Amino acid sequence: MSEKITTHEFARRLGVQANTVRRALCVQGHYLGLRPVKLPNGRLLWSAVEVEAFINGEKQEGQGAAV
């Protein structure tokens, strides 16, 4: 299993508040083209590899957003 990070850590790396990420996910179904894994307890985990690729400009918004 690849490394996963929490919504709080994801938001911190992007320089936004966690509620911004949660709101966009509820309204749009993704945040900047990234989608988390939702655990049975309701927590969200984001792929650390995808987040780093996005930060480094290797992944553009909407690119590869799985349904």
PDB file of N, CA and C in Angstrom:
ATOM      1  N   MET A   1       0.845  -1.183   0.000  1.00  0.00           N
ATOM      2  CA  MET A   1       0.000   0.000   0.000  1.00  0.00           C
ATOM      3  C   MET A   1       0.890   1.246   0.000  1.00  0.00           C
ATOM      4  N   SER A   2       0.553   2.177  -0.877  1.00  0.00           N
ATOM      5  CA  SER A   2       1.351   3.396  -0.944  1.00  0.00           C
ATOM      6  C   SER A   2       1.057   4.290   0.256  1.00  0.00           C
ATOM      7  N   GLU A   3       1.951   5.210   0.508  1.00  0.00           N
ATOM      8  CA  GLU A   3       1.811   6.093   1.658  1.00  0.00           C
ATOM      9  C   GLU A   3       0.602   7.002   1.482  1.00  0.00           C
ATOM     10  N   LYS A   4      -0.165   7.149   2.536  1.00  0.00           N
ATOM     11  CA  LYS A   4      -1.352   8.007   2.548  1.00  0.00           C
ATOM     12  C   LYS A   4      -1.182   9.071   3.619  1.00  0.00           C
ATOM     13  N   ILE A   5      -1.790  10.235   3.384  1.00  0.00           N
ATOM     14  CA  ILE A   5      -1.755  11.312   4.362  1.00  0.00           C
ATOM     15  C   ILE A   5      -3.176  11.753   4.688  1.00  0.00           C
ATOM     16  N   THR A   6      -3.345  12.364   5.832  1.00  0.00           N
ATOM     17  CA  THR A   6      -4.667  12.827   6.264  1.00  0.00           C
ATOM     18  C   THR A   6      -5.044  14.109   5.523  1.00  0.00           C
ATOM     19  N   THR A   7      -6.297  14.475   5.633  1.00  0.00           N
ATOM     20  CA  THR A   7      -6.771  15.716   5.024  1.00  0.00           C
ATOM     21  C   THR A   7      -6.046  16.913   5.621  1.00  0.00           C
ATOM     22  N   HIS A   8      -5.816  16.880   6.918  1.00  0.00           N
ATOM     23  CA  HIS A   8      -5.110  17.977   7.576  1.00  0.00           C
ATOM     24  C   HIS A   8      -3.703  18.150   6.995  1.00  0.00           C
ATOM     25  N   GLU A   9      -2.971  17.055   6.847  1.00  0.00           N
ATOM     26  CA  GLU A   9      -1.614  17.103   6.291  1.00  0.00           C
ATOM     27  C   GLU A   9      -1.659  17.519   4.820  1.00  0.00           C
ATOM     28  N   PHE A  10      -2.621  17.011   4.074  1.00  0.00           N
ATOM     29  CA  PHE A  10      -2.794  17.380   2.665  1.00  0.00           C
ATOM     30  C   PHE A  10      -2.989  18.883   2.537  1.00  0.00           C
ATOM     31  N   ALA A  11      -3.884  19.444   3.342  1.00  0.00           N
ATOM     32  CA  ALA A  11      -4.166  20.879   3.311  1.00  0.00           C
ATOM     33  C   ALA A  11      -2.935  21.685   3.719  1.00  0.00           C
ATOM     34  N   ARG A  12      -2.221  21.223   4.724  1.00  0.00           N
ATOM     35  CA  ARG A  12      -1.020  21.922   5.178  1.00  0.00           C
ATOM     36  C   ARG A  12       0.017  21.998   4.061  1.00  0.00           C
ATOM     37  N   ARG A  13       0.212  20.910   3.342  1.00  0.00           N
ATOM     38  CA  ARG A  13       1.194  20.892   2.250  1.00  0.00           C
ATOM     39  C   ARG A  13       0.810  21.845   1.121  1.00  0.00           C
ATOM     40  N   LEU A  14      -0.500  22.061   0.923  1.00  0.00           N
ATOM     41  CA  LEU A  14      -0.955  22.955  -0.136  1.00  0.00           C
ATOM     42  C   LEU A  14      -1.159  24.383   0.351  1.00  0.00           C
ATOM     43  N   GLY A  15      -1.064  24.590   1.653  1.00  0.00           N
ATOM     44  CA  GLY A  15      -1.188  25.934   2.200  1.00  0.00           C
ATOM     45  C   GLY A  15      -2.620  26.440   2.287  1.00  0.00           C
ATOM     46  N   VAL A  16      -3.555  25.515   2.482  1.00  0.00           N
ATOM     47  CA  VAL A  16      -4.964  25.884   2.649  1.00  0.00           C
ATOM     48  C   VAL A  16      -5.489  25.251   3.931  1.00  0.00           C
ATOM     49  N   GLN A  17      -6.708  25.633   4.310  1.00  0.00           N
ATOM     50  CA  GLN A  17      -7.319  25.024   5.487  1.00  0.00           C
ATOM     51  C   GLN A  17      -7.970  23.694   5.100  1.00  0.00           C
ATOM     52  N   ALA A  18      -8.010  22.772   6.048  1.00  0.00           N
ATOM     53  CA  ALA A  18      -8.597  21.458   5.799  1.00  0.00           C
ATOM     54  C   ALA A  18     -10.058  21.578   5.397  1.00  0.00           C
ATOM     55  N   ASN A  19     -10.777  22.541   5.961  1.00  0.00           N
ATOM     56  CA  ASN A  19     -12.186  22.710   5.594  1.00  0.00           C
ATOM     57  C   ASN A  19     -12.355  23.139   4.142  1.00  0.00           C
ATOM     58  N   THR A  20     -11.388  23.826   3.582  1.00  0.00           N
ATOM     59  CA  THR A  20     -11.423  24.195   2.168  1.00  0.00           C
ATOM     60  C   THR A  20     -11.401  22.941   1.310  1.00  0.00           C
ATOM     61  N   VAL A  21     -10.537  22.008   1.684  1.00  0.00           N
ATOM     62  CA  VAL A  21     -10.424  20.744   0.959  1.00  0.00           C
ATOM     63  C   VAL A  21     -11.715  19.939   1.093  1.00  0.00           C
ATOM     64  N   ARG A  22     -12.230  19.832   2.309  1.00  0.00           N
ATOM     65  CA  ARG A  22     -13.454  19.056   2.544  1.00  0.00           C
ATOM     66  C   ARG A  22     -14.636  19.641   1.785  1.00  0.00           C
ATOM     67  N   ARG A  23     -14.748  20.972   1.785  1.00  0.00           N
ATOM     68  CA  ARG A  23     -15.853  21.639   1.089  1.00  0.00           C
ATOM     69  C   ARG A  23     -15.791  21.364  -0.411  1.00  0.00           C
ATOM     70  N   ALA A  24     -14.628  21.531  -1.006  1.00  0.00           N
ATOM     71  CA  ALA A  24     -14.479  21.287  -2.442  1.00  0.00           C
ATOM     72  C   ALA A  24     -14.790  19.837  -2.772  1.00  0.00           C
ATOM     73  N   LEU A  25     -14.375  18.928  -1.920  1.00  0.00           N
ATOM     74  CA  LEU A  25     -14.640  17.513  -2.146  1.00  0.00           C
ATOM     75  C   LEU A  25     -16.143  17.234  -2.125  1.00  0.00           C
ATOM     76  N   CYS A  26     -16.862  17.849  -1.194  1.00  0.00           N
ATOM     77  CA  CYS A  26     -18.311  17.664  -1.107  1.00  0.00           C
ATOM     78  C   CYS A  26     -19.027  18.257  -2.317  1.00  0.00           C
ATOM     79  N   VAL A  27     -18.600  19.427  -2.753  1.00  0.00           N
ATOM     80  CA  VAL A  27     -19.282  20.132  -3.837  1.00  0.00           C
ATOM     81  C   VAL A  27     -18.880  19.583  -5.207  1.00  0.00           C
ATOM     82  N   GLN A  28     -17.579  19.361  -5.415  1.00  0.00           N
ATOM     83  CA  GLN A  28     -17.073  18.987  -6.737  1.00  0.00           C
ATOM     84  C   GLN A  28     -16.711  17.515  -6.885  1.00  0.00           C
ATOM     85  N   GLY A  29     -16.529  16.809  -5.776  1.00  0.00           N
ATOM     86  CA  GLY A  29     -16.138  15.408  -5.840  1.00  0.00           C
ATOM     87  C   GLY A  29     -14.633  15.195  -5.915  1.00  0.00           C
ATOM     88  N   HIS A  30     -13.873  16.300  -5.866  1.00  0.00           N
ATOM     89  CA  HIS A  30     -12.413  16.229  -5.896  1.00  0.00           C
ATOM     90  C   HIS A  30     -11.867  17.552  -5.382  1.00  0.00           C
ATOM     91  N   TYR A  31     -10.575  17.601  -5.112  1.00  0.00           N
ATOM     92  CA  TYR A  31      -9.911  18.864  -4.791  1.00  0.00           C
ATOM     93  C   TYR A  31      -8.738  18.995  -5.739  1.00  0.00           C
ATOM     94  N   LEU A  32      -8.838  19.942  -6.670  1.00  0.00           N
ATOM     95  CA  LEU A  32      -7.810  20.172  -7.685  1.00  0.00           C
ATOM     96  C   LEU A  32      -7.489  18.896  -8.463  1.00  0.00           C
ATOM     97  N   GLY A  33      -8.506  18.092  -8.700  1.00  0.00           N
ATOM     98  CA  GLY A  33      -8.331  16.860  -9.461  1.00  0.00           C
ATOM     99  C   GLY A  33      -7.887  15.667  -8.647  1.00  0.00           C
ATOM    100  N   LEU A  34      -7.637  15.854  -7.382  1.00  0.00           N
ATOM    101  CA  LEU A  34      -7.199  14.757  -6.514  1.00  0.00           C
ATOM    102  C   LEU A  34      -8.386  14.221  -5.728  1.00  0.00           C
ATOM    103  N   ARG A  35      -8.434  12.912  -5.592  1.00  0.00           N
ATOM    104  CA  ARG A  35      -9.518  12.265  -4.855  1.00  0.00           C
ATOM    105  C   ARG A  35      -8.948  11.364  -3.767  1.00  0.00           C
ATOM    106  N   PRO A  36      -9.563  11.405  -2.587  1.00  0.00           N
ATOM    107  CA  PRO A  36      -9.059  10.578  -1.486  1.00  0.00           C
ATOM    108  C   PRO A  36      -9.711   9.192  -1.465  1.00  0.00           C
ATOM    109  N   VAL A  37      -9.174   8.360  -0.603  1.00  0.00           N
ATOM    110  CA  VAL A  37      -9.803   7.083  -0.261  1.00  0.00           C
ATOM    111  C   VAL A  37     -10.602   7.351   0.997  1.00  0.00           C
ATOM    112  N   LYS A  38     -11.865   6.950   1.006  1.00  0.00           N
ATOM    113  CA  LYS A  38     -12.696   7.157   2.185  1.00  0.00           C
ATOM    114  C   LYS A  38     -12.741   5.856   2.988  1.00  0.00           C
ATOM    115  N   LEU A  39     -12.329   5.928   4.237  1.00  0.00           N
ATOM    116  CA  LEU A  39     -12.323   4.765   5.119  1.00  0.00           C
ATOM    117  C   LEU A  39     -13.728   4.523   5.666  1.00  0.00           C
ATOM    118  N   PRO A  40     -14.023   3.301   6.127  1.00  0.00           N
ATOM    119  CA  PRO A  40     -15.346   3.008   6.690  1.00  0.00           C
ATOM    120  C   PRO A  40     -15.733   3.919   7.857  1.00  0.00           C
ATOM    121  N   ASN A  41     -14.748   4.458   8.576  1.00  0.00           N
ATOM    122  CA  ASN A  41     -15.048   5.332   9.707  1.00  0.00           C
ATOM    123  C   ASN A  41     -15.260   6.785   9.267  1.00  0.00           C
ATOM    124  N   GLY A  42     -15.206   7.065   7.946  1.00  0.00           N
ATOM    125  CA  GLY A  42     -15.460   8.395   7.428  1.00  0.00           C
ATOM    126  C   GLY A  42     -14.220   9.245   7.188  1.00  0.00           C
ATOM    127  N   ARG A  43     -13.071   8.804   7.693  1.00  0.00           N
ATOM    128  CA  ARG A  43     -11.830   9.573   7.487  1.00  0.00           C
ATOM    129  C   ARG A  43     -11.392   9.483   6.035  1.00  0.00           C
ATOM    130  N   LEU A  44     -10.703  10.513   5.580  1.00  0.00           N
ATOM    131  CA  LEU A  44     -10.200  10.568   4.211  1.00  0.00           C
ATOM    132  C   LEU A  44      -8.686  10.447   4.225  1.00  0.00           C
ATOM    133  N   LEU A  45      -8.153   9.659   3.315  1.00  0.00           N
ATOM    134  CA  LEU A  45      -6.711   9.533   3.164  1.00  0.00           C
ATOM    135  C   LEU A  45      -6.348   9.844   1.719  1.00  0.00           C
ATOM    136  N   TRP A  46      -5.326  10.671   1.552  1.00  0.00           N
ATOM    137  CA  TRP A  46      -4.884  11.129   0.242  1.00  0.00           C
ATOM    138  C   TRP A  46      -3.556  10.482  -0.108  1.00  0.00           C
ATOM    139  N   SER A  47      -3.348  10.181  -1.369  1.00  0.00           N
ATOM    140  CA  SER A  47      -2.093   9.586  -1.823  1.00  0.00           C
ATOM    141  C   SER A  47      -0.968  10.616  -1.732  1.00  0.00           C
ATOM    142  N   ALA A  48       0.037  10.324  -0.934  1.00  0.00           N
ATOM    143  CA  ALA A  48       1.179  11.226  -0.772  1.00  0.00           C
ATOM    144  C   ALA A  48       1.925  11.389  -2.096  1.00  0.00           C
ATOM    145  N   VAL A  49       1.983  10.344  -2.896  1.00  0.00           N
ATOM    146  CA  VAL A  49       2.672  10.399  -4.189  1.00  0.00           C
ATOM    147  C   VAL A  49       1.952  11.368  -5.123  1.00  0.00           C
ATOM    148  N   GLU A  50       0.613  11.295  -5.194  1.00  0.00           N
ATOM    149  CA  GLU A  50      -0.152  12.191  -6.056  1.00  0.00           C
ATOM    150  C   GLU A  50      -0.054  13.639  -5.582  1.00  0.00           C
ATOM    151  N   VAL A  51      -0.075  13.837  -4.273  1.00  0.00           N
ATOM    152  CA  VAL A  51       0.028  15.188  -3.716  1.00  0.00           C
ATOM    153  C   VAL A  51       1.382  15.796  -4.070  1.00  0.00           C
ATOM    154  N   GLU A  52       2.455  15.046  -3.892  1.00  0.00           N
ATOM    155  CA  GLU A  52       3.794  15.554  -4.214  1.00  0.00           C
ATOM    156  C   GLU A  52       3.925  15.826  -5.709  1.00  0.00           C
ATOM    157  N   ALA A  53       3.347  14.962  -6.539  1.00  0.00           N
ATOM    158  CA  ALA A  53       3.390  15.185  -7.983  1.00  0.00           C
ATOM    159  C   ALA A  53       2.657  16.474  -8.335  1.00  0.00           C
ATOM    160  N   PHE A  54       1.518  16.728  -7.698  1.00  0.00           N
ATOM    161  CA  PHE A  54       0.766  17.948  -7.947  1.00  0.00           C
ATOM    162  C   PHE A  54       1.575  19.171  -7.524  1.00  0.00           C
ATOM    163  N   ILE A  55       2.168  19.116  -6.349  1.00  0.00           N
ATOM    164  CA  ILE A  55       2.957  20.240  -5.835  1.00  0.00           C
ATOM    165  C   ILE A  55       4.144  20.530  -6.755  1.00  0.00           C
ATOM    166  N   ASN A  56       4.752  19.486  -7.299  1.00  0.00           N
ATOM    167  CA  ASN A  56       5.913  19.641  -8.173  1.00  0.00           C
ATOM    168  C   ASN A  56       5.531  19.969  -9.613  1.00  0.00           C
ATOM    169  N   GLY A  57       4.235  20.124  -9.885  1.00  0.00           N
ATOM    170  CA  GLY A  57       3.777  20.479 -11.218  1.00  0.00           C
ATOM    171  C   GLY A  57       3.733  19.331 -12.193  1.00  0.00           C
ATOM    172  N   GLU A  58       3.812  18.114 -11.698  1.00  0.00           N
ATOM    173  CA  GLU A  58       3.794  16.941 -12.570  1.00  0.00           C
ATOM    174  C   GLU A  58       2.378  16.502 -12.906  1.00  0.00           C
ATOM    175  N   LYS A  59       1.405  16.988 -12.150  1.00  0.00           N
ATOM    176  CA  LYS A  59       0.016  16.620 -12.394  1.00  0.00           C
ATOM    177  C   LYS A  59      -0.797  17.900 -12.433  1.00  0.00           C
ATOM    178  N   GLN A  60      -1.516  18.124 -13.520  1.00  0.00           N
ATOM    179  CA  GLN A  60      -2.338  19.311 -13.677  1.00  0.00           C
ATOM    180  C   GLN A  60      -3.736  19.042 -13.146  1.00  0.00           C
ATOM    181  N   GLU A  61      -4.438  20.107 -12.749  1.00  0.00           N
ATOM    182  CA  GLU A  61      -5.804  19.994 -12.243  1.00  0.00           C
ATOM    183  C   GLU A  61      -6.667  19.250 -13.255  1.00  0.00           C
ATOM    184  N   GLY A  62      -7.398  18.260 -12.774  1.00  0.00           N
ATOM    185  CA  GLY A  62      -8.301  17.491 -13.624  1.00  0.00           C
ATOM    186  C   GLY A  62      -7.637  16.326 -14.333  1.00  0.00           C
ATOM    187  N   GLN A  63      -6.324  16.284 -14.401  1.00  0.00           N
ATOM    188  CA  GLN A  63      -5.607  15.224 -15.089  1.00  0.00           C
ATOM    189  C   GLN A  63      -5.643  13.947 -14.259  1.00  0.00           C
ATOM    190  N   GLY A  64      -6.135  12.882 -14.834  1.00  0.00           N
ATOM    191  CA  GLY A  64      -6.115  11.606 -14.147  1.00  0.00           C
ATOM    192  C   GLY A  64      -7.057  11.497 -12.971  1.00  0.00           C
ATOM    193  N   ALA A  65      -8.077  12.316 -12.909  1.00  0.00           N
ATOM    194  CA  ALA A  65      -9.035  12.245 -11.796  1.00  0.00           C
ATOM    195  C   ALA A  65      -9.936  11.049 -12.006  1.00  0.00           C
ATOM    196  N   ALA A  66      -9.709  10.011 -11.218  1.00  0.00           N
ATOM    197  CA  ALA A  66     -10.484   8.776 -11.341  1.00  0.00           C
ATOM    198  C   ALA A  66     -11.872   8.952 -10.741  1.00  0.00           C
ATOM    199  N   VAL A  67     -12.801   8.204 -11.314  1.00  0.00           N
ATOM    200  CA  VAL A  67     -14.187   8.266 -10.802  1.00  0.00           C
ATOM    201  C   VAL A  67     -14.421   7.197  -9.797  1.00  0.00           C
TER     202      VAL A  67
END
